[in-house]
Amino acid sequence: MTRMTAPLRVTGATVTASALLSLVAAGPALAHGTPTSPVSRVYACSPEGGSTGSAACRAAIAANGAPFTAWDNLRVAGVAGRDRQTIPDGKLCSGGLPAYKGLDLTRTDWPATRLTPGGRLSMTYASTIAHAGTFKMYLTKPGYDPRKPLTWSDLPSRPFAEVRDPALTNGAYHFGATLPPDRTGHHVLYTVWQNSSTPDTYYSCSDVAFPTVGASASGGGEGTKATPAKPASARPVRTTEPSKAAPPSAGPSPSHRDASPAASAAPRAADGTPVASATGTGSSPSAPVVAGGAAAVLVLTGGAAVVLRLRGR
């Protein structure tokens, strides 16, 4: 009986170790990335983004029926460069995913980042796991109207910049590009991250504000920085029955003002667009993953030691 019991204990320990290893390996696959500067809608309206109290984010969350907890998981598999054929018009910001549909609301008061026409764009793309791939950046055409659904016809046929395989540093990709010189007012920076190491493509909308004609540029070409705070573990957002969304803001874009006290106190660009404020410096988004992996290794090591002692008895 003793000889039969020992193998059973070893087998149980082996199964437990395998299960733990599977959990460690699977954990990072739930989360990947999004722009934090210029801040994307999904990050601005996430619990870590700091703009959940804005009217636009409240409406987006209500339309979703759930918060944007998985801010780094807005991805579509199997696109393979067929973005315009795969992502429907009017659903570019959500990637056509029901769990992110609140991001497609047509509003003029999304938190935005100040930019300078023809200036230097400094992109910070937070990522909780590294992937090889190409970032493609589009800027809505002159005359873009944020009161209408964003469509592919609002974007040029070619991106104004492409960056391939930048290095992941301190939990984010950092790269730059020169902005088109002929934009004024409210626009959308549309970023497509097509992975080459996975079948996934990530989509994001970052609202940006350029000086209107006759207004001086403020904030510099790099815009207002939005450094990611330490996020909670990203989890897939459940698709639930959406609550009744707040109505899109009315009135012409340049003169729109949010009536709420919080929004009226927020900084705004020359055309009245709310400007995203910095969230402060936080820990790397990848830190929780690393810590979790280390803890699992310690558990496995301890388990292995116990098994060896049992076999030696």
C-alpha atoms as a PDB file:
ATOM      1  CA  MET A   1       0.000   0.000   0.000  1.00  0.00           C
ATOM      2  CA  THR A   2       2.899   2.353   0.759  1.00  0.00           C
ATOM      3  CA  ARG A   3       4.396   1.839  -2.701  1.00  0.00           C
ATOM      4  CA  MET A   4       1.035   2.601  -4.323  1.00  0.00           C
ATOM      5  CA  THR A   5       0.420   5.747  -2.270  1.00  0.00           C
ATOM      6  CA  ALA A   6       3.726   7.499  -3.146  1.00  0.00           C
ATOM      7  CA  PRO A   7       3.188   7.437  -6.931  1.00  0.00           C
ATOM      8  CA  LEU A   8      -0.322   8.762  -6.453  1.00  0.00           C
ATOM      9  CA  ARG A   9       1.029  11.731  -4.480  1.00  0.00           C
ATOM     10  CA  VAL A  10       3.664  12.459  -7.118  1.00  0.00           C
ATOM     11  CA  THR A  11       1.059  12.297  -9.877  1.00  0.00           C
ATOM     12  CA  GLY A  12      -1.194  14.729  -8.000  1.00  0.00           C
ATOM     13  CA  ALA A  13       1.665  17.153  -7.491  1.00  0.00           C
ATOM     14  CA  THR A  14       2.604  16.879 -11.159  1.00  0.00           C
ATOM     15  CA  VAL A  15      -0.931  17.682 -12.246  1.00  0.00           C
ATOM     16  CA  THR A  16      -1.042  20.674  -9.895  1.00  0.00           C
ATOM     17  CA  ALA A  17       2.264  21.981 -11.244  1.00  0.00           C
ATOM     18  CA  SER A  18       1.054  21.595 -14.826  1.00  0.00           C
ATOM     19  CA  ALA A  19      -2.137  23.474 -14.016  1.00  0.00           C
ATOM     20  CA  LEU A  20      -0.202  26.327 -12.428  1.00  0.00           C
ATOM     21  CA  LEU A  21       2.141  26.539 -15.389  1.00  0.00           C
ATOM     22  CA  SER A  22      -0.858  26.710 -17.714  1.00  0.00           C
ATOM     23  CA  LEU A  23      -2.351  29.564 -15.713  1.00  0.00           C
ATOM     24  CA  VAL A  24       0.928  31.515 -15.747  1.00  0.00           C
ATOM     25  CA  ALA A  25       1.315  31.019 -19.486  1.00  0.00           C
ATOM     26  CA  ALA A  26      -2.297  31.923 -20.226  1.00  0.00           C
ATOM     27  CA  GLY A  27      -2.468  35.001 -17.978  1.00  0.00           C
ATOM     28  CA  PRO A  28      -0.679  37.541 -20.217  1.00  0.00           C
ATOM     29  CA  ALA A  29      -2.710  36.480 -23.275  1.00  0.00           C
ATOM     30  CA  LEU A  30      -5.717  38.262 -21.803  1.00  0.00           C
ATOM     31  CA  ALA A  31      -4.108  41.689 -22.143  1.00  0.00           C
ATOM     32  CA  HIS A  32      -2.028  43.545 -24.691  1.00  0.00           C
ATOM     33  CA  GLY A  33      -2.194  47.318 -25.233  1.00  0.00           C
ATOM     34  CA  THR A  34      -3.591  50.705 -26.274  1.00  0.00           C
ATOM     35  CA  PRO A  35      -2.318  54.290 -26.681  1.00  0.00           C
ATOM     36  CA  THR A  36      -2.075  56.315 -23.483  1.00  0.00           C
ATOM     37  CA  SER A  37      -0.590  59.392 -25.160  1.00  0.00           C
ATOM     38  CA  PRO A  38      -2.366  60.692 -27.132  1.00  0.00           C
ATOM     39  CA  VAL A  39      -4.828  58.979 -24.836  1.00  0.00           C
ATOM     40  CA  SER A  40      -7.256  56.560 -26.489  1.00  0.00           C
ATOM     41  CA  ARG A  41     -10.945  56.603 -25.671  1.00  0.00           C
ATOM     42  CA  VAL A  42     -10.849  53.144 -24.138  1.00  0.00           C
ATOM     43  CA  TYR A  43      -7.994  54.059 -21.776  1.00  0.00           C
ATOM     44  CA  ALA A  44      -9.357  57.509 -20.913  1.00  0.00           C
ATOM     45  CA  CYS A  45     -12.666  55.908 -19.909  1.00  0.00           C
ATOM     46  CA  SER A  46     -11.128  52.945 -18.089  1.00  0.00           C
ATOM     47  CA  PRO A  47     -10.800  52.818 -14.287  1.00  0.00           C
ATOM     48  CA  GLU A  48      -7.086  53.604 -14.707  1.00  0.00           C
ATOM     49  CA  GLY A  49      -7.569  56.394 -17.235  1.00  0.00           C
ATOM     50  CA  GLY A  50      -8.933  59.048 -14.903  1.00  0.00           C
ATOM     51  CA  SER A  51     -11.724  60.408 -17.156  1.00  0.00           C
ATOM     52  CA  THR A  52     -14.586  58.135 -16.135  1.00  0.00           C
ATOM     53  CA  GLY A  53     -16.384  61.126 -14.631  1.00  0.00           C
ATOM     54  CA  SER A  54     -16.529  63.001 -17.934  1.00  0.00           C
ATOM     55  CA  ALA A  55     -19.861  63.172 -19.738  1.00  0.00           C
ATOM     56  CA  ALA A  56     -18.515  61.305 -22.769  1.00  0.00           C
ATOM     57  CA  CYS A  57     -17.099  58.445 -20.705  1.00  0.00           C
ATOM     58  CA  ARG A  58     -20.245  58.138 -18.615  1.00  0.00           C
ATOM     59  CA  ALA A  59     -22.293  57.864 -21.802  1.00  0.00           C
ATOM     60  CA  ALA A  60     -19.877  55.322 -23.289  1.00  0.00           C
ATOM     61  CA  ILE A  61     -19.969  53.135 -20.189  1.00  0.00           C
ATOM     62  CA  ALA A  62     -23.774  53.334 -20.093  1.00  0.00           C
ATOM     63  CA  ALA A  63     -23.975  52.338 -23.765  1.00  0.00           C
ATOM     64  CA  ASN A  64     -21.635  49.438 -23.064  1.00  0.00           C
ATOM     65  CA  GLY A  65     -23.504  48.222 -20.046  1.00  0.00           C
ATOM     66  CA  ALA A  66     -20.109  47.508 -18.466  1.00  0.00           C
ATOM     67  CA  PRO A  67     -16.939  49.447 -17.614  1.00  0.00           C
ATOM     68  CA  PHE A  68     -13.864  49.418 -19.853  1.00  0.00           C
ATOM     69  CA  THR A  69     -11.863  47.201 -17.524  1.00  0.00           C
ATOM     70  CA  ALA A  70     -10.103  45.362 -20.375  1.00  0.00           C
ATOM     71  CA  TRP A  71      -8.743  48.569 -21.913  1.00  0.00           C
ATOM     72  CA  ASP A  72      -5.837  46.657 -23.481  1.00  0.00           C
ATOM     73  CA  ASN A  73      -7.835  43.896 -25.133  1.00  0.00           C
ATOM     74  CA  LEU A  74      -9.592  45.643 -28.047  1.00  0.00           C
ATOM     75  CA  ARG A  75      -8.442  43.257 -30.760  1.00  0.00           C
ATOM     76  CA  VAL A  76      -9.810  41.332 -33.723  1.00  0.00           C
ATOM     77  CA  ALA A  77      -8.294  38.063 -34.934  1.00  0.00           C
ATOM     78  CA  GLY A  78      -7.664  37.038 -38.519  1.00  0.00           C
ATOM     79  CA  VAL A  79      -7.882  40.485 -40.139  1.00  0.00           C
ATOM     80  CA  ALA A  80      -4.528  40.093 -41.921  1.00  0.00           C
ATOM     81  CA  GLY A  81      -4.454  43.645 -43.257  1.00  0.00           C
ATOM     82  CA  ARG A  82      -8.083  43.658 -44.480  1.00  0.00           C
ATOM     83  CA  ASP A  83      -9.071  46.398 -42.042  1.00  0.00           C
ATOM     84  CA  ARG A  84     -11.478  48.241 -44.338  1.00  0.00           C
ATOM     85  CA  GLN A  85     -13.176  45.017 -45.366  1.00  0.00           C
ATOM     86  CA  THR A  86     -13.464  43.707 -41.785  1.00  0.00           C
ATOM     87  CA  ILE A  87     -14.279  46.662 -39.522  1.00  0.00           C
ATOM     88  CA  PRO A  88     -17.677  48.238 -40.389  1.00  0.00           C
ATOM     89  CA  ASP A  89     -18.155  51.976 -40.924  1.00  0.00           C
ATOM     90  CA  GLY A  90     -19.387  53.655 -37.774  1.00  0.00           C
ATOM     91  CA  LYS A  91     -17.669  51.009 -35.619  1.00  0.00           C
ATOM     92  CA  LEU A  92     -14.015  51.850 -36.136  1.00  0.00           C
ATOM     93  CA  CYS A  93     -13.363  52.856 -32.521  1.00  0.00           C
ATOM     94  CA  SER A  94     -14.852  49.620 -31.134  1.00  0.00           C
ATOM     95  CA  GLY A  95     -13.319  47.427 -33.808  1.00  0.00           C
ATOM     96  CA  GLY A  96     -16.871  46.158 -34.350  1.00  0.00           C
ATOM     97  CA  LEU A  97     -16.763  44.431 -30.942  1.00  0.00           C
ATOM     98  CA  PRO A  98     -20.019  44.641 -28.926  1.00  0.00           C
ATOM     99  CA  ALA A  99     -18.088  44.824 -25.641  1.00  0.00           C
ATOM    100  CA  TYR A 100     -16.635  48.201 -26.732  1.00  0.00           C
ATOM    101  CA  LYS A 101     -19.570  49.710 -28.630  1.00  0.00           C
ATOM    102  CA  GLY A 102     -19.761  52.743 -26.343  1.00  0.00           C
ATOM    103  CA  LEU A 103     -16.543  54.025 -27.947  1.00  0.00           C
ATOM    104  CA  ASP A 104     -18.413  54.632 -31.220  1.00  0.00           C
ATOM    105  CA  LEU A 105     -20.737  57.294 -29.789  1.00  0.00           C
ATOM    106  CA  THR A 106     -20.786  60.450 -31.902  1.00  0.00           C
ATOM    107  CA  ARG A 107     -19.800  63.150 -29.430  1.00  0.00           C
ATOM    108  CA  THR A 108     -17.764  66.332 -29.522  1.00  0.00           C
ATOM    109  CA  ASP A 109     -16.645  66.162 -25.884  1.00  0.00           C
ATOM    110  CA  TRP A 110     -14.353  63.118 -25.769  1.00  0.00           C
ATOM    111  CA  PRO A 111     -11.214  63.809 -23.682  1.00  0.00           C
ATOM    112  CA  ALA A 112      -8.640  65.011 -26.229  1.00  0.00           C
ATOM    113  CA  THR A 113      -4.921  65.740 -26.465  1.00  0.00           C
ATOM    114  CA  ARG A 114      -3.568  69.044 -27.812  1.00  0.00           C
ATOM    115  CA  LEU A 115      -1.387  68.718 -30.911  1.00  0.00           C
ATOM    116  CA  THR A 116       0.276  71.144 -33.306  1.00  0.00           C
ATOM    117  CA  PRO A 117      -0.260  70.867 -37.096  1.00  0.00           C
ATOM    118  CA  GLY A 118       2.961  69.702 -38.724  1.00  0.00           C
ATOM    119  CA  GLY A 119       4.477  69.156 -35.280  1.00  0.00           C
ATOM    120  CA  ARG A 120       6.051  66.090 -33.771  1.00  0.00           C
ATOM    121  CA  LEU A 121       3.776  63.349 -32.458  1.00  0.00           C
ATOM    122  CA  SER A 122       5.195  61.360 -29.551  1.00  0.00           C
ATOM    123  CA  MET A 123       3.224  58.151 -29.181  1.00  0.00           C
ATOM    124  CA  THR A 124       3.148  56.115 -25.976  1.00  0.00           C
ATOM    125  CA  TYR A 125       1.441  52.786 -26.552  1.00  0.00           C
ATOM    126  CA  ALA A 126       1.101  50.899 -23.266  1.00  0.00           C
ATOM    127  CA  SER A 127       1.413  47.145 -23.609  1.00  0.00           C
ATOM    128  CA  THR A 128       1.068  44.440 -20.999  1.00  0.00           C
ATOM    129  CA  ILE A 129       2.719  41.867 -23.261  1.00  0.00           C
ATOM    130  CA  ALA A 130       5.172  42.375 -26.119  1.00  0.00           C
ATOM    131  CA  HIS A 131       4.244  41.517 -29.703  1.00  0.00           C
ATOM    132  CA  ALA A 132       6.034  41.939 -32.999  1.00  0.00           C
ATOM    133  CA  GLY A 133       4.066  43.962 -35.517  1.00  0.00           C
ATOM    134  CA  THR A 134       3.473  47.248 -37.325  1.00  0.00           C
ATOM    135  CA  PHE A 135       1.745  50.374 -36.037  1.00  0.00           C
ATOM    136  CA  LYS A 136      -0.174  52.347 -38.664  1.00  0.00           C
ATOM    137  CA  MET A 137      -1.406  55.838 -37.796  1.00  0.00           C
ATOM    138  CA  TYR A 138      -4.180  57.687 -39.590  1.00  0.00           C
ATOM    139  CA  LEU A 139      -5.525  61.175 -38.948  1.00  0.00           C
ATOM    140  CA  THR A 140      -9.031  62.129 -40.022  1.00  0.00           C
ATOM    141  CA  LYS A 141      -9.153  64.295 -43.140  1.00  0.00           C
ATOM    142  CA  PRO A 142      -9.578  68.088 -43.087  1.00  0.00           C
ATOM    143  CA  GLY A 143     -13.244  68.905 -42.552  1.00  0.00           C
ATOM    144  CA  TYR A 144     -13.892  65.877 -40.327  1.00  0.00           C
ATOM    145  CA  ASP A 145     -17.155  66.264 -38.381  1.00  0.00           C
ATOM    146  CA  PRO A 146     -17.112  64.537 -34.952  1.00  0.00           C
ATOM    147  CA  ARG A 147     -20.911  64.772 -34.819  1.00  0.00           C
ATOM    148  CA  LYS A 148     -21.118  62.029 -37.443  1.00  0.00           C
ATOM    149  CA  PRO A 149     -20.104  58.346 -37.138  1.00  0.00           C
ATOM    150  CA  LEU A 150     -16.454  57.734 -37.974  1.00  0.00           C
ATOM    151  CA  THR A 151     -16.130  55.924 -41.306  1.00  0.00           C
ATOM    152  CA  TRP A 152     -13.244  54.729 -43.441  1.00  0.00           C
ATOM    153  CA  SER A 153     -13.948  57.547 -45.882  1.00  0.00           C
ATOM    154  CA  ASP A 154     -13.042  59.991 -43.075  1.00  0.00           C
ATOM    155  CA  LEU A 155      -9.503  58.580 -43.115  1.00  0.00           C
ATOM    156  CA  PRO A 156      -6.885  58.876 -45.869  1.00  0.00           C
ATOM    157  CA  SER A 157      -6.246  55.716 -47.869  1.00  0.00           C
ATOM    158  CA  ARG A 158      -2.702  55.543 -46.517  1.00  0.00           C
ATOM    159  CA  PRO A 159      -1.424  56.153 -42.971  1.00  0.00           C
ATOM    160  CA  PHE A 160       0.699  59.251 -42.378  1.00  0.00           C
ATOM    161  CA  ALA A 161       3.189  57.092 -40.465  1.00  0.00           C
ATOM    162  CA  GLU A 162       4.108  53.424 -39.978  1.00  0.00           C
ATOM    163  CA  VAL A 163       6.420  52.011 -37.307  1.00  0.00           C
ATOM    164  CA  ARG A 164       7.565  48.421 -37.317  1.00  0.00           C
ATOM    165  CA  ASP A 165       8.663  46.436 -34.262  1.00  0.00           C
ATOM    166  CA  PRO A 166       9.556  49.243 -31.821  1.00  0.00           C
ATOM    167  CA  ALA A 167      11.161  48.193 -28.550  1.00  0.00           C
ATOM    168  CA  LEU A 168       8.963  47.651 -25.491  1.00  0.00           C
ATOM    169  CA  THR A 169      10.432  49.830 -22.733  1.00  0.00           C
ATOM    170  CA  ASN A 170       9.009  50.134 -19.214  1.00  0.00           C
ATOM    171  CA  GLY A 171       5.699  48.630 -20.226  1.00  0.00           C
ATOM    172  CA  ALA A 172       5.127  50.732 -23.359  1.00  0.00           C
ATOM    173  CA  TYR A 173       6.177  51.289 -26.953  1.00  0.00           C
ATOM    174  CA  HIS A 174       7.511  54.784 -27.610  1.00  0.00           C
ATOM    175  CA  PHE A 175       7.839  56.171 -31.132  1.00  0.00           C
ATOM    176  CA  GLY A 176       7.404  59.422 -33.016  1.00  0.00           C
ATOM    177  CA  ALA A 177       6.091  60.776 -36.307  1.00  0.00           C
ATOM    178  CA  THR A 178       5.528  64.099 -38.048  1.00  0.00           C
ATOM    179  CA  LEU A 179       1.892  65.194 -38.100  1.00  0.00           C
ATOM    180  CA  PRO A 180       0.139  66.456 -41.247  1.00  0.00           C
ATOM    181  CA  PRO A 181       0.284  70.283 -41.407  1.00  0.00           C
ATOM    182  CA  ASP A 182      -3.292  70.984 -42.542  1.00  0.00           C
ATOM    183  CA  ARG A 183      -5.519  70.086 -39.583  1.00  0.00           C
ATOM    184  CA  THR A 184      -7.529  72.365 -37.306  1.00  0.00           C
ATOM    185  CA  GLY A 185     -10.090  71.697 -34.603  1.00  0.00           C
ATOM    186  CA  HIS A 186     -11.242  68.258 -33.390  1.00  0.00           C
ATOM    187  CA  HIS A 187      -9.834  65.169 -35.114  1.00  0.00           C
ATOM    188  CA  VAL A 188      -9.336  61.460 -34.437  1.00  0.00           C
ATOM    189  CA  LEU A 189      -5.969  59.736 -34.478  1.00  0.00           C
ATOM    190  CA  TYR A 190      -6.749  56.176 -35.547  1.00  0.00           C
ATOM    191  CA  THR A 191      -4.056  53.638 -34.675  1.00  0.00           C
ATOM    192  CA  VAL A 192      -3.948  50.134 -36.109  1.00  0.00           C
ATOM    193  CA  TRP A 193      -1.489  47.671 -34.575  1.00  0.00           C
ATOM    194  CA  GLN A 194      -1.225  44.637 -36.825  1.00  0.00           C
ATOM    195  CA  ASN A 195       0.637  41.838 -35.078  1.00  0.00           C
ATOM    196  CA  SER A 196       3.010  39.577 -36.942  1.00  0.00           C
ATOM    197  CA  SER A 197       3.615  37.302 -33.940  1.00  0.00           C
ATOM    198  CA  THR A 198      -0.129  36.654 -33.403  1.00  0.00           C
ATOM    199  CA  PRO A 199      -3.189  36.701 -35.711  1.00  0.00           C
ATOM    200  CA  ASP A 200      -4.570  39.752 -33.863  1.00  0.00           C
ATOM    201  CA  THR A 201      -4.988  43.385 -34.921  1.00  0.00           C
ATOM    202  CA  TYR A 202      -5.662  46.142 -32.366  1.00  0.00           C
ATOM    203  CA  TYR A 203      -7.688  49.298 -33.049  1.00  0.00           C
ATOM    204  CA  SER A 204      -7.905  52.551 -31.129  1.00  0.00           C
ATOM    205  CA  CYS A 205      -9.321  56.065 -31.409  1.00  0.00           C
ATOM    206  CA  SER A 206      -7.456  58.951 -29.769  1.00  0.00           C
ATOM    207  CA  ASP A 207      -9.257  62.289 -29.883  1.00  0.00           C
ATOM    208  CA  VAL A 208      -6.914  65.194 -30.602  1.00  0.00           C
ATOM    209  CA  ALA A 209      -7.383  68.973 -30.727  1.00  0.00           C
ATOM    210  CA  PHE A 210      -5.525  71.254 -33.144  1.00  0.00           C
ATOM    211  CA  PRO A 211      -5.614  75.060 -32.843  1.00  0.00           C
ATOM    212  CA  THR A 212      -8.349  76.676 -34.865  1.00  0.00           C
ATOM    213  CA  VAL A 213      -7.477  79.262 -37.505  1.00  0.00           C
ATOM    214  CA  GLY A 214      -6.129  82.376 -35.810  1.00  0.00           C
ATOM    215  CA  ALA A 215      -5.546  80.650 -32.469  1.00  0.00           C
ATOM    216  CA  SER A 216      -2.038  80.132 -31.135  1.00  0.00           C
ATOM    217  CA  ALA A 217      -0.803  76.616 -30.546  1.00  0.00           C
ATOM    218  CA  SER A 218      -0.571  75.559 -26.931  1.00  0.00           C
ATOM    219  CA  GLY A 219       0.740  72.474 -25.269  1.00  0.00           C
ATOM    220  CA  GLY A 220       3.513  71.846 -27.808  1.00  0.00           C
ATOM    221  CA  GLY A 221       3.696  69.373 -30.640  1.00  0.00           C
ATOM    222  CA  GLU A 222       3.822  66.361 -28.358  1.00  0.00           C
ATOM    223  CA  GLY A 223       0.476  67.057 -26.740  1.00  0.00           C
ATOM    224  CA  THR A 224      -0.564  66.449 -23.158  1.00  0.00           C
ATOM    225  CA  LYS A 225       1.131  63.383 -21.734  1.00  0.00           C
ATOM    226  CA  ALA A 226      -1.017  60.614 -20.263  1.00  0.00           C
ATOM    227  CA  THR A 227       1.233  58.086 -18.570  1.00  0.00           C
ATOM    228  CA  PRO A 228      -0.524  54.842 -17.667  1.00  0.00           C
ATOM    229  CA  ALA A 229      -1.115  54.190 -13.996  1.00  0.00           C
ATOM    230  CA  LYS A 230      -0.629  50.712 -12.632  1.00  0.00           C
ATOM    231  CA  PRO A 231      -3.638  48.790 -14.012  1.00  0.00           C
ATOM    232  CA  ALA A 232      -5.606  46.029 -12.452  1.00  0.00           C
ATOM    233  CA  SER A 233      -5.465  42.662 -14.150  1.00  0.00           C
ATOM    234  CA  ALA A 234      -7.226  42.982 -17.489  1.00  0.00           C
ATOM    235  CA  ARG A 235     -10.252  40.786 -17.859  1.00  0.00           C
ATOM    236  CA  PRO A 236     -12.489  40.261 -20.890  1.00  0.00           C
ATOM    237  CA  VAL A 237     -15.494  42.572 -20.699  1.00  0.00           C
ATOM    238  CA  ARG A 238     -18.803  40.772 -20.496  1.00  0.00           C
ATOM    239  CA  THR A 239     -21.381  41.757 -23.028  1.00  0.00           C
ATOM    240  CA  THR A 240     -24.521  42.598 -21.080  1.00  0.00           C
ATOM    241  CA  GLU A 241     -27.775  44.254 -21.954  1.00  0.00           C
ATOM    242  CA  PRO A 242     -26.738  47.890 -22.372  1.00  0.00           C
ATOM    243  CA  SER A 243     -28.258  50.615 -20.290  1.00  0.00           C
ATOM    244  CA  LYS A 244     -29.887  53.489 -22.068  1.00  0.00           C
ATOM    245  CA  ALA A 245     -27.016  55.672 -23.209  1.00  0.00           C
ATOM    246  CA  ALA A 246     -26.927  59.379 -22.591  1.00  0.00           C
ATOM    247  CA  PRO A 247     -27.777  61.286 -25.793  1.00  0.00           C
ATOM    248  CA  PRO A 248     -24.874  62.540 -27.910  1.00  0.00           C
ATOM    249  CA  SER A 249     -24.003  66.143 -27.334  1.00  0.00           C
ATOM    250  CA  ALA A 250     -25.747  68.538 -29.644  1.00  0.00           C
ATOM    251  CA  GLY A 251     -24.691  71.783 -31.251  1.00  0.00           C
ATOM    252  CA  PRO A 252     -21.757  72.703 -33.463  1.00  0.00           C
ATOM    253  CA  SER A 253     -18.426  71.155 -32.510  1.00  0.00           C
ATOM    254  CA  PRO A 254     -16.339  74.335 -32.097  1.00  0.00           C
ATOM    255  CA  SER A 255     -18.683  75.875 -29.536  1.00  0.00           C
ATOM    256  CA  HIS A 256     -19.678  72.777 -27.572  1.00  0.00           C
ATOM    257  CA  ARG A 257     -19.434  73.085 -23.806  1.00  0.00           C
ATOM    258  CA  ASP A 258     -20.236  70.454 -21.226  1.00  0.00           C
ATOM    259  CA  ALA A 259     -22.736  71.793 -18.723  1.00  0.00           C
ATOM    260  CA  SER A 260     -21.453  69.631 -15.875  1.00  0.00           C
ATOM    261  CA  PRO A 261     -19.310  71.436 -13.238  1.00  0.00           C
ATOM    262  CA  ALA A 262     -16.515  68.861 -13.532  1.00  0.00           C
ATOM    263  CA  ALA A 263     -16.275  69.235 -17.284  1.00  0.00           C
ATOM    264  CA  SER A 264     -16.419  73.029 -17.181  1.00  0.00           C
ATOM    265  CA  ALA A 265     -13.436  73.042 -14.849  1.00  0.00           C
ATOM    266  CA  ALA A 266     -11.390  70.783 -17.126  1.00  0.00           C
ATOM    267  CA  PRO A 267      -8.813  72.347 -19.476  1.00  0.00           C
ATOM    268  CA  ARG A 268      -9.967  72.896 -23.051  1.00  0.00           C
ATOM    269  CA  ALA A 269      -8.390  73.569 -26.405  1.00  0.00           C
ATOM    270  CA  ALA A 270      -8.992  76.787 -28.321  1.00  0.00           C
ATOM    271  CA  ASP A 271     -12.071  75.298 -30.021  1.00  0.00           C
ATOM    272  CA  GLY A 272     -13.650  74.156 -26.741  1.00  0.00           C
ATOM    273  CA  THR A 273     -12.627  70.487 -26.943  1.00  0.00           C
ATOM    274  CA  PRO A 274     -11.941  69.018 -23.471  1.00  0.00           C
ATOM    275  CA  VAL A 275      -8.250  68.243 -23.113  1.00  0.00           C
ATOM    276  CA  ALA A 276      -7.112  65.099 -21.357  1.00  0.00           C
ATOM    277  CA  SER A 277      -5.047  65.711 -18.255  1.00  0.00           C
ATOM    278  CA  ALA A 278      -2.001  63.670 -17.328  1.00  0.00           C
ATOM    279  CA  THR A 279      -2.650  60.725 -15.040  1.00  0.00           C
ATOM    280  CA  GLY A 280       0.764  60.873 -13.405  1.00  0.00           C
ATOM    281  CA  THR A 281       3.580  58.400 -13.553  1.00  0.00           C
ATOM    282  CA  GLY A 282       2.653  54.868 -12.646  1.00  0.00           C
ATOM    283  CA  SER A 283       4.259  51.468 -12.571  1.00  0.00           C
ATOM    284  CA  SER A 284       4.755  49.565 -15.786  1.00  0.00           C
ATOM    285  CA  PRO A 285       1.563  47.798 -16.894  1.00  0.00           C
ATOM    286  CA  SER A 286       3.585  44.627 -17.220  1.00  0.00           C
ATOM    287  CA  ALA A 287       4.614  44.654 -13.537  1.00  0.00           C
ATOM    288  CA  PRO A 288       1.599  42.674 -12.229  1.00  0.00           C
ATOM    289  CA  VAL A 289       2.247  39.962 -14.833  1.00  0.00           C
ATOM    290  CA  VAL A 290       5.901  39.643 -13.843  1.00  0.00           C
ATOM    291  CA  ALA A 291       5.061  39.555 -10.154  1.00  0.00           C
ATOM    292  CA  GLY A 292       2.384  36.925 -10.706  1.00  0.00           C
ATOM    293  CA  GLY A 293       4.774  34.753 -12.694  1.00  0.00           C
ATOM    294  CA  ALA A 294       7.420  34.976 -10.012  1.00  0.00           C
ATOM    295  CA  ALA A 295       4.936  33.979  -7.330  1.00  0.00           C
ATOM    296  CA  ALA A 296       3.836  30.979  -9.382  1.00  0.00           C
ATOM    297  CA  VAL A 297       7.448  29.870  -9.847  1.00  0.00           C
ATOM    298  CA  LEU A 298       7.977  30.008  -6.082  1.00  0.00           C
ATOM    299  CA  VAL A 299       4.852  27.894  -5.545  1.00  0.00           C
ATOM    300  CA  LEU A 300       6.016  25.344  -8.114  1.00  0.00           C
ATOM    301  CA  THR A 301       9.511  25.204  -6.616  1.00  0.00           C
ATOM    302  CA  GLY A 302       8.110  24.608  -3.162  1.00  0.00           C
ATOM    303  CA  GLY A 303       5.762  21.937  -4.491  1.00  0.00           C
ATOM    304  CA  ALA A 304       8.605  20.137  -6.233  1.00  0.00           C
ATOM    305  CA  ALA A 305      10.642  20.102  -3.022  1.00  0.00           C
ATOM    306  CA  VAL A 306       7.758  18.512  -1.123  1.00  0.00           C
ATOM    307  CA  VAL A 307       7.372  15.833  -3.792  1.00  0.00           C
ATOM    308  CA  LEU A 308      11.067  14.932  -3.640  1.00  0.00           C
ATOM    309  CA  ARG A 309      10.899  14.614   0.136  1.00  0.00           C
ATOM    310  CA  LEU A 310       7.879  12.305  -0.161  1.00  0.00           C
ATOM    311  CA  ARG A 311       9.627  10.110  -2.697  1.00  0.00           C
ATOM    312  CA  GLY A 312      12.697   9.872  -0.478  1.00  0.00           C
ATOM    313  CA  ARG A 313      10.747   8.516   2.460  1.00  0.00           C
END
